Amino acid sequence: MTIAQIKAEARSAGFAARKAAFDKGQGQAAELLADWLAPHAGRALSGYMAMRTEIDPLAAMAAHQGPVCVPVIMGKGQPLKFREWTPGCAMVEGAFGAFIPAEGAWIEPEVLIVPLVGWDRRGYRLGYGGGFYDRTLELLRSKRPTLAVGFAFAAQEVPDVPIEPTDQRLDAIVTEAGVIHFG
């Protein structure tokens, strides 16, 4: 079996686990995320607009004391760019159905809240397969220290995410069950 096939199977299981967890609710996950982010006040933060059964970081994004932005997909094989977001700003549908601010400054984040399909205790995440966050984190980390916190349901944990040399590790994961720091 190829790594692509292994990841495809893992994604299928991850989506099913996420759906089941989503149906139960995210509890205090956003509050735990806001607490994790508090020491990073003043630093540019990237969040995301939750889609389908993703855990929703909106409350933590709104509570952040500093600039907040959301990812914009510029094209296949390219790193993400990030547009300034504020609560209530005008949003439009972007690539893959994710909502993005209709206008606003481009911001380079120092802390990223990263959505995912699965995660493991080594700090690896299973994404959607486009490599957008891996490319972006590699680029940002080549310029300066950049933190990546996964935000997911505890049920999305897997024993071992299948990894490739291009996969970027998370610094922490926040779930409704708590926070785990890596490295």
C-alpha atoms as a PDB file:
ATOM      1  CA  MET A   1       0.000   0.000   0.000  1.00  0.00           C
ATOM      2  CA  THR A   2       1.332   3.478  -0.875  1.00  0.00           C
ATOM      3  CA  ILE A   3       1.595   6.362   1.581  1.00  0.00           C
ATOM      4  CA  ALA A   4      -1.194   8.099  -0.374  1.00  0.00           C
ATOM      5  CA  GLN A   5      -3.473   5.076   0.115  1.00  0.00           C
ATOM      6  CA  ILE A   6      -2.597   4.827   3.805  1.00  0.00           C
ATOM      7  CA  LYS A   7      -3.360   8.531   4.272  1.00  0.00           C
ATOM      8  CA  ALA A   8      -6.640   8.195   2.349  1.00  0.00           C
ATOM      9  CA  GLU A   9      -7.768   5.385   4.659  1.00  0.00           C
ATOM     10  CA  ALA A  10      -6.684   7.374   7.719  1.00  0.00           C
ATOM     11  CA  ARG A  11      -8.620  10.424   6.463  1.00  0.00           C
ATOM     12  CA  SER A  12     -11.763   8.360   6.008  1.00  0.00           C
ATOM     13  CA  ALA A  13     -11.524   7.090   9.601  1.00  0.00           C
ATOM     14  CA  GLY A  14     -10.679  10.604  10.833  1.00  0.00           C
ATOM     15  CA  PHE A  15     -13.718  12.153   9.180  1.00  0.00           C
ATOM     16  CA  ALA A  16     -15.973   9.501  10.739  1.00  0.00           C
ATOM     17  CA  ALA A  17     -14.484  10.069  14.220  1.00  0.00           C
ATOM     18  CA  ARG A  18     -14.776  13.844  13.806  1.00  0.00           C
ATOM     19  CA  LYS A  19     -18.430  13.600  12.744  1.00  0.00           C
ATOM     20  CA  ALA A  20     -19.302  11.476  15.785  1.00  0.00           C
ATOM     21  CA  ALA A  21     -17.488  13.905  18.111  1.00  0.00           C
ATOM     22  CA  PHE A  22     -19.059  16.952  16.423  1.00  0.00           C
ATOM     23  CA  ASP A  23     -22.523  15.516  17.043  1.00  0.00           C
ATOM     24  CA  LYS A  24     -21.731  15.408  20.796  1.00  0.00           C
ATOM     25  CA  GLY A  25     -20.572  19.065  20.871  1.00  0.00           C
ATOM     26  CA  GLN A  26     -17.224  20.709  21.517  1.00  0.00           C
ATOM     27  CA  GLY A  27     -17.750  21.551  25.172  1.00  0.00           C
ATOM     28  CA  GLN A  28     -15.218  24.081  26.494  1.00  0.00           C
ATOM     29  CA  ALA A  29     -12.697  23.533  23.669  1.00  0.00           C
ATOM     30  CA  ALA A  30     -12.764  27.149  22.435  1.00  0.00           C
ATOM     31  CA  GLU A  31     -12.220  28.427  25.983  1.00  0.00           C
ATOM     32  CA  LEU A  32      -9.252  26.074  26.428  1.00  0.00           C
ATOM     33  CA  LEU A  33      -7.860  27.333  23.115  1.00  0.00           C
ATOM     34  CA  ALA A  34      -8.308  30.970  24.202  1.00  0.00           C
ATOM     35  CA  ASP A  35      -6.427  30.184  27.429  1.00  0.00           C
ATOM     36  CA  TRP A  36      -3.592  28.570  25.422  1.00  0.00           C
ATOM     37  CA  LEU A  37      -3.431  31.625  23.160  1.00  0.00           C
ATOM     38  CA  ALA A  38      -3.477  34.220  25.994  1.00  0.00           C
ATOM     39  CA  PRO A  39       0.322  34.283  26.487  1.00  0.00           C
ATOM     40  CA  HIS A  40       0.633  35.114  22.779  1.00  0.00           C
ATOM     41  CA  ALA A  41      -1.318  38.377  23.033  1.00  0.00           C
ATOM     42  CA  GLY A  42      -0.066  40.950  20.564  1.00  0.00           C
ATOM     43  CA  ARG A  43       1.236  38.328  18.141  1.00  0.00           C
ATOM     44  CA  ALA A  44      -0.481  37.891  14.778  1.00  0.00           C
ATOM     45  CA  LEU A  45      -2.840  34.895  14.970  1.00  0.00           C
ATOM     46  CA  SER A  46      -4.285  32.845  12.143  1.00  0.00           C
ATOM     47  CA  GLY A  47      -7.545  31.053  12.831  1.00  0.00           C
ATOM     48  CA  TYR A  48      -9.982  29.495  10.379  1.00  0.00           C
ATOM     49  CA  MET A  49     -13.674  29.494   9.562  1.00  0.00           C
ATOM     50  CA  ALA A  50     -14.970  26.065  10.577  1.00  0.00           C
ATOM     51  CA  MET A  51     -16.562  24.016   7.801  1.00  0.00           C
ATOM     52  CA  ARG A  52     -18.853  21.031   8.084  1.00  0.00           C
ATOM     53  CA  THR A  53     -17.834  19.043  11.197  1.00  0.00           C
ATOM     54  CA  GLU A  54     -14.639  20.956  12.088  1.00  0.00           C
ATOM     55  CA  ILE A  55     -14.287  22.121  15.670  1.00  0.00           C
ATOM     56  CA  ASP A  56     -14.988  25.865  15.778  1.00  0.00           C
ATOM     57  CA  PRO A  57     -12.245  28.278  16.967  1.00  0.00           C
ATOM     58  CA  LEU A  58     -14.299  31.464  16.439  1.00  0.00           C
ATOM     59  CA  ALA A  59     -14.723  32.347  20.133  1.00  0.00           C
ATOM     60  CA  ALA A  60     -10.961  31.997  20.744  1.00  0.00           C
ATOM     61  CA  MET A  61     -10.190  34.078  17.659  1.00  0.00           C
ATOM     62  CA  ALA A  62     -12.560  36.832  18.812  1.00  0.00           C
ATOM     63  CA  ALA A  63     -10.962  36.839  22.281  1.00  0.00           C
ATOM     64  CA  HIS A  64      -7.386  37.171  20.962  1.00  0.00           C
ATOM     65  CA  GLN A  65      -5.644  40.394  21.953  1.00  0.00           C
ATOM     66  CA  GLY A  66      -3.847  41.168  18.707  1.00  0.00           C
ATOM     67  CA  PRO A  67      -4.294  40.975  14.951  1.00  0.00           C
ATOM     68  CA  VAL A  68      -6.263  37.974  13.676  1.00  0.00           C
ATOM     69  CA  CYS A  69      -6.355  36.618  10.141  1.00  0.00           C
ATOM     70  CA  VAL A  70      -7.710  33.618   8.261  1.00  0.00           C
ATOM     71  CA  PRO A  71      -6.119  31.550   5.486  1.00  0.00           C
ATOM     72  CA  VAL A  72      -6.751  32.226   1.818  1.00  0.00           C
ATOM     73  CA  ILE A  73      -5.919  29.508  -0.695  1.00  0.00           C
ATOM     74  CA  MET A  74      -4.029  31.198  -3.536  1.00  0.00           C
ATOM     75  CA  GLY A  75      -3.737  28.134  -5.760  1.00  0.00           C
ATOM     76  CA  LYS A  76      -2.781  24.478  -5.888  1.00  0.00           C
ATOM     77  CA  GLY A  77       0.747  23.813  -4.658  1.00  0.00           C
ATOM     78  CA  GLN A  78       1.139  27.291  -3.142  1.00  0.00           C
ATOM     79  CA  PRO A  79       1.478  28.329   0.493  1.00  0.00           C
ATOM     80  CA  LEU A  80      -1.483  30.026   2.111  1.00  0.00           C
ATOM     81  CA  LYS A  81      -1.787  33.776   2.478  1.00  0.00           C
ATOM     82  CA  PHE A  82      -3.690  35.317   5.362  1.00  0.00           C
ATOM     83  CA  ARG A  83      -6.256  38.108   5.303  1.00  0.00           C
ATOM     84  CA  GLU A  84      -7.154  40.201   8.334  1.00  0.00           C
ATOM     85  CA  TRP A  85     -10.359  39.109  10.098  1.00  0.00           C
ATOM     86  CA  THR A  86     -12.454  40.881  12.703  1.00  0.00           C
ATOM     87  CA  PRO A  87     -15.769  39.747  14.218  1.00  0.00           C
ATOM     88  CA  GLY A  88     -18.591  40.798  11.904  1.00  0.00           C
ATOM     89  CA  CYS A  89     -16.405  41.613   8.892  1.00  0.00           C
ATOM     90  CA  ALA A  90     -17.874  40.937   5.432  1.00  0.00           C
ATOM     91  CA  MET A  91     -17.095  37.405   4.293  1.00  0.00           C
ATOM     92  CA  VAL A  92     -17.154  35.761   0.864  1.00  0.00           C
ATOM     93  CA  GLU A  93     -16.835  32.143  -0.185  1.00  0.00           C
ATOM     94  CA  GLY A  94     -13.275  31.202  -1.093  1.00  0.00           C
ATOM     95  CA  ALA A  95     -11.689  28.056  -2.498  1.00  0.00           C
ATOM     96  CA  PHE A  96     -13.130  24.748  -1.277  1.00  0.00           C
ATOM     97  CA  GLY A  97     -16.106  26.598   0.250  1.00  0.00           C
ATOM     98  CA  ALA A  98     -14.179  28.174   3.133  1.00  0.00           C
ATOM     99  CA  PHE A  99     -15.286  31.695   3.983  1.00  0.00           C
ATOM    100  CA  ILE A 100     -12.678  34.453   3.833  1.00  0.00           C
ATOM    101  CA  PRO A 101     -12.825  38.195   4.512  1.00  0.00           C
ATOM    102  CA  ALA A 102     -14.042  40.153   1.483  1.00  0.00           C
ATOM    103  CA  GLU A 103     -11.268  42.677   2.049  1.00  0.00           C
ATOM    104  CA  GLY A 104      -8.563  43.528   4.525  1.00  0.00           C
ATOM    105  CA  ALA A 105      -4.828  43.677   5.027  1.00  0.00           C
ATOM    106  CA  TRP A 106      -2.586  40.707   4.328  1.00  0.00           C
ATOM    107  CA  ILE A 107      -0.978  39.551   7.581  1.00  0.00           C
ATOM    108  CA  GLU A 108       1.832  37.080   8.197  1.00  0.00           C
ATOM    109  CA  PRO A 109       0.869  35.107  11.313  1.00  0.00           C
ATOM    110  CA  GLU A 110       3.245  34.065  14.081  1.00  0.00           C
ATOM    111  CA  VAL A 111       0.747  31.677  15.707  1.00  0.00           C
ATOM    112  CA  LEU A 112      -1.559  29.444  13.662  1.00  0.00           C
ATOM    113  CA  ILE A 113      -4.646  27.529  14.769  1.00  0.00           C
ATOM    114  CA  VAL A 114      -4.570  24.556  12.417  1.00  0.00           C
ATOM    115  CA  PRO A 115      -7.618  22.470  11.471  1.00  0.00           C
ATOM    116  CA  LEU A 116      -7.073  18.773  10.881  1.00  0.00           C
ATOM    117  CA  VAL A 117      -8.599  15.375  10.259  1.00  0.00           C
ATOM    118  CA  GLY A 118      -6.407  13.380  12.658  1.00  0.00           C
ATOM    119  CA  TRP A 119      -3.507  13.867  15.069  1.00  0.00           C
ATOM    120  CA  ASP A 120      -1.078  11.787  17.078  1.00  0.00           C
ATOM    121  CA  ARG A 121       0.939  12.220  20.282  1.00  0.00           C
ATOM    122  CA  ARG A 122       4.157  12.820  18.332  1.00  0.00           C
ATOM    123  CA  GLY A 123       2.670  16.137  17.176  1.00  0.00           C
ATOM    124  CA  TYR A 124       1.816  15.174  13.628  1.00  0.00           C
ATOM    125  CA  ARG A 125      -1.472  16.046  11.970  1.00  0.00           C
ATOM    126  CA  LEU A 126      -3.363  14.516   9.114  1.00  0.00           C
ATOM    127  CA  GLY A 127      -4.767  17.275   6.946  1.00  0.00           C
ATOM    128  CA  TYR A 128      -6.968  17.256   3.884  1.00  0.00           C
ATOM    129  CA  GLY A 129      -4.215  16.228   1.473  1.00  0.00           C
ATOM    130  CA  GLY A 130      -3.445  19.495  -0.294  1.00  0.00           C
ATOM    131  CA  GLY A 131      -0.285  20.223   1.707  1.00  0.00           C
ATOM    132  CA  PHE A 132      -1.277  23.871   2.209  1.00  0.00           C
ATOM    133  CA  TYR A 133      -0.455  24.068   5.927  1.00  0.00           C
ATOM    134  CA  ASP A 134       2.760  22.044   5.584  1.00  0.00           C
ATOM    135  CA  ARG A 135       4.058  24.361   2.835  1.00  0.00           C
ATOM    136  CA  THR A 136       2.953  27.430   4.758  1.00  0.00           C
ATOM    137  CA  LEU A 137       4.472  26.370   8.083  1.00  0.00           C
ATOM    138  CA  GLU A 138       7.743  25.456   6.392  1.00  0.00           C
ATOM    139  CA  LEU A 139       7.880  28.912   4.759  1.00  0.00           C
ATOM    140  CA  LEU A 140       6.918  30.835   7.908  1.00  0.00           C
ATOM    141  CA  ARG A 141       9.285  28.827  10.117  1.00  0.00           C
ATOM    142  CA  SER A 142      12.158  29.520   7.692  1.00  0.00           C
ATOM    143  CA  LYS A 143      11.701  33.242   8.469  1.00  0.00           C
ATOM    144  CA  ARG A 144      11.113  33.249  12.254  1.00  0.00           C
ATOM    145  CA  PRO A 145       9.764  31.149  15.122  1.00  0.00           C
ATOM    146  CA  THR A 146       6.172  30.223  14.265  1.00  0.00           C
ATOM    147  CA  LEU A 147       3.820  28.234  16.485  1.00  0.00           C
ATOM    148  CA  ALA A 148       1.210  25.816  15.178  1.00  0.00           C
ATOM    149  CA  VAL A 149      -1.548  24.611  17.501  1.00  0.00           C
ATOM    150  CA  GLY A 150      -3.848  21.906  16.240  1.00  0.00           C
ATOM    151  CA  PHE A 151      -7.490  22.314  17.194  1.00  0.00           C
ATOM    152  CA  ALA A 152      -9.538  19.137  17.089  1.00  0.00           C
ATOM    153  CA  PHE A 153     -11.742  16.745  18.980  1.00  0.00           C
ATOM    154  CA  ALA A 154     -10.029  14.243  21.273  1.00  0.00           C
ATOM    155  CA  ALA A 155     -11.718  11.478  19.241  1.00  0.00           C
ATOM    156  CA  GLN A 156      -9.607  12.469  16.228  1.00  0.00           C
ATOM    157  CA  GLU A 157      -6.456  11.102  17.884  1.00  0.00           C
ATOM    158  CA  VAL A 158      -4.875   8.194  16.009  1.00  0.00           C
ATOM    159  CA  PRO A 159      -1.975   5.954  17.121  1.00  0.00           C
ATOM    160  CA  ASP A 160       0.385   7.183  14.378  1.00  0.00           C
ATOM    161  CA  VAL A 161      -0.283   9.658  11.591  1.00  0.00           C
ATOM    162  CA  PRO A 162       1.405   8.394   8.411  1.00  0.00           C
ATOM    163  CA  ILE A 163       4.067  11.013   7.688  1.00  0.00           C
ATOM    164  CA  GLU A 164       6.259  12.165   4.830  1.00  0.00           C
ATOM    165  CA  PRO A 165       9.415  14.328   4.954  1.00  0.00           C
ATOM    166  CA  THR A 166       7.369  17.450   4.102  1.00  0.00           C
ATOM    167  CA  ASP A 167       4.980  17.080   7.065  1.00  0.00           C
ATOM    168  CA  GLN A 168       5.322  19.821   9.690  1.00  0.00           C
ATOM    169  CA  ARG A 169       4.867  19.065  13.395  1.00  0.00           C
ATOM    170  CA  LEU A 170       2.471  20.884  15.665  1.00  0.00           C
ATOM    171  CA  ASP A 171       3.682  22.595  18.823  1.00  0.00           C
ATOM    172  CA  ALA A 172       0.525  21.665  20.732  1.00  0.00           C
ATOM    173  CA  ILE A 173      -2.967  20.267  20.286  1.00  0.00           C
ATOM    174  CA  VAL A 174      -6.068  21.628  22.017  1.00  0.00           C
ATOM    175  CA  THR A 175      -9.158  19.452  22.307  1.00  0.00           C
ATOM    176  CA  GLU A 176     -12.277  19.546  24.448  1.00  0.00           C
ATOM    177  CA  ALA A 177     -10.398  17.188  26.793  1.00  0.00           C
ATOM    178  CA  GLY A 178      -7.393  19.451  27.326  1.00  0.00           C
ATOM    179  CA  VAL A 179      -4.051  20.593  25.949  1.00  0.00           C
ATOM    180  CA  ILE A 180      -1.066  18.474  24.925  1.00  0.00           C
ATOM    181  CA  HIS A 181       2.323  20.112  24.252  1.00  0.00           C
ATOM    182  CA  PHE A 182       4.791  18.494  21.853  1.00  0.00           C
ATOM    183  CA  GLY A 183       8.584  18.742  21.874  1.00  0.00           C
END
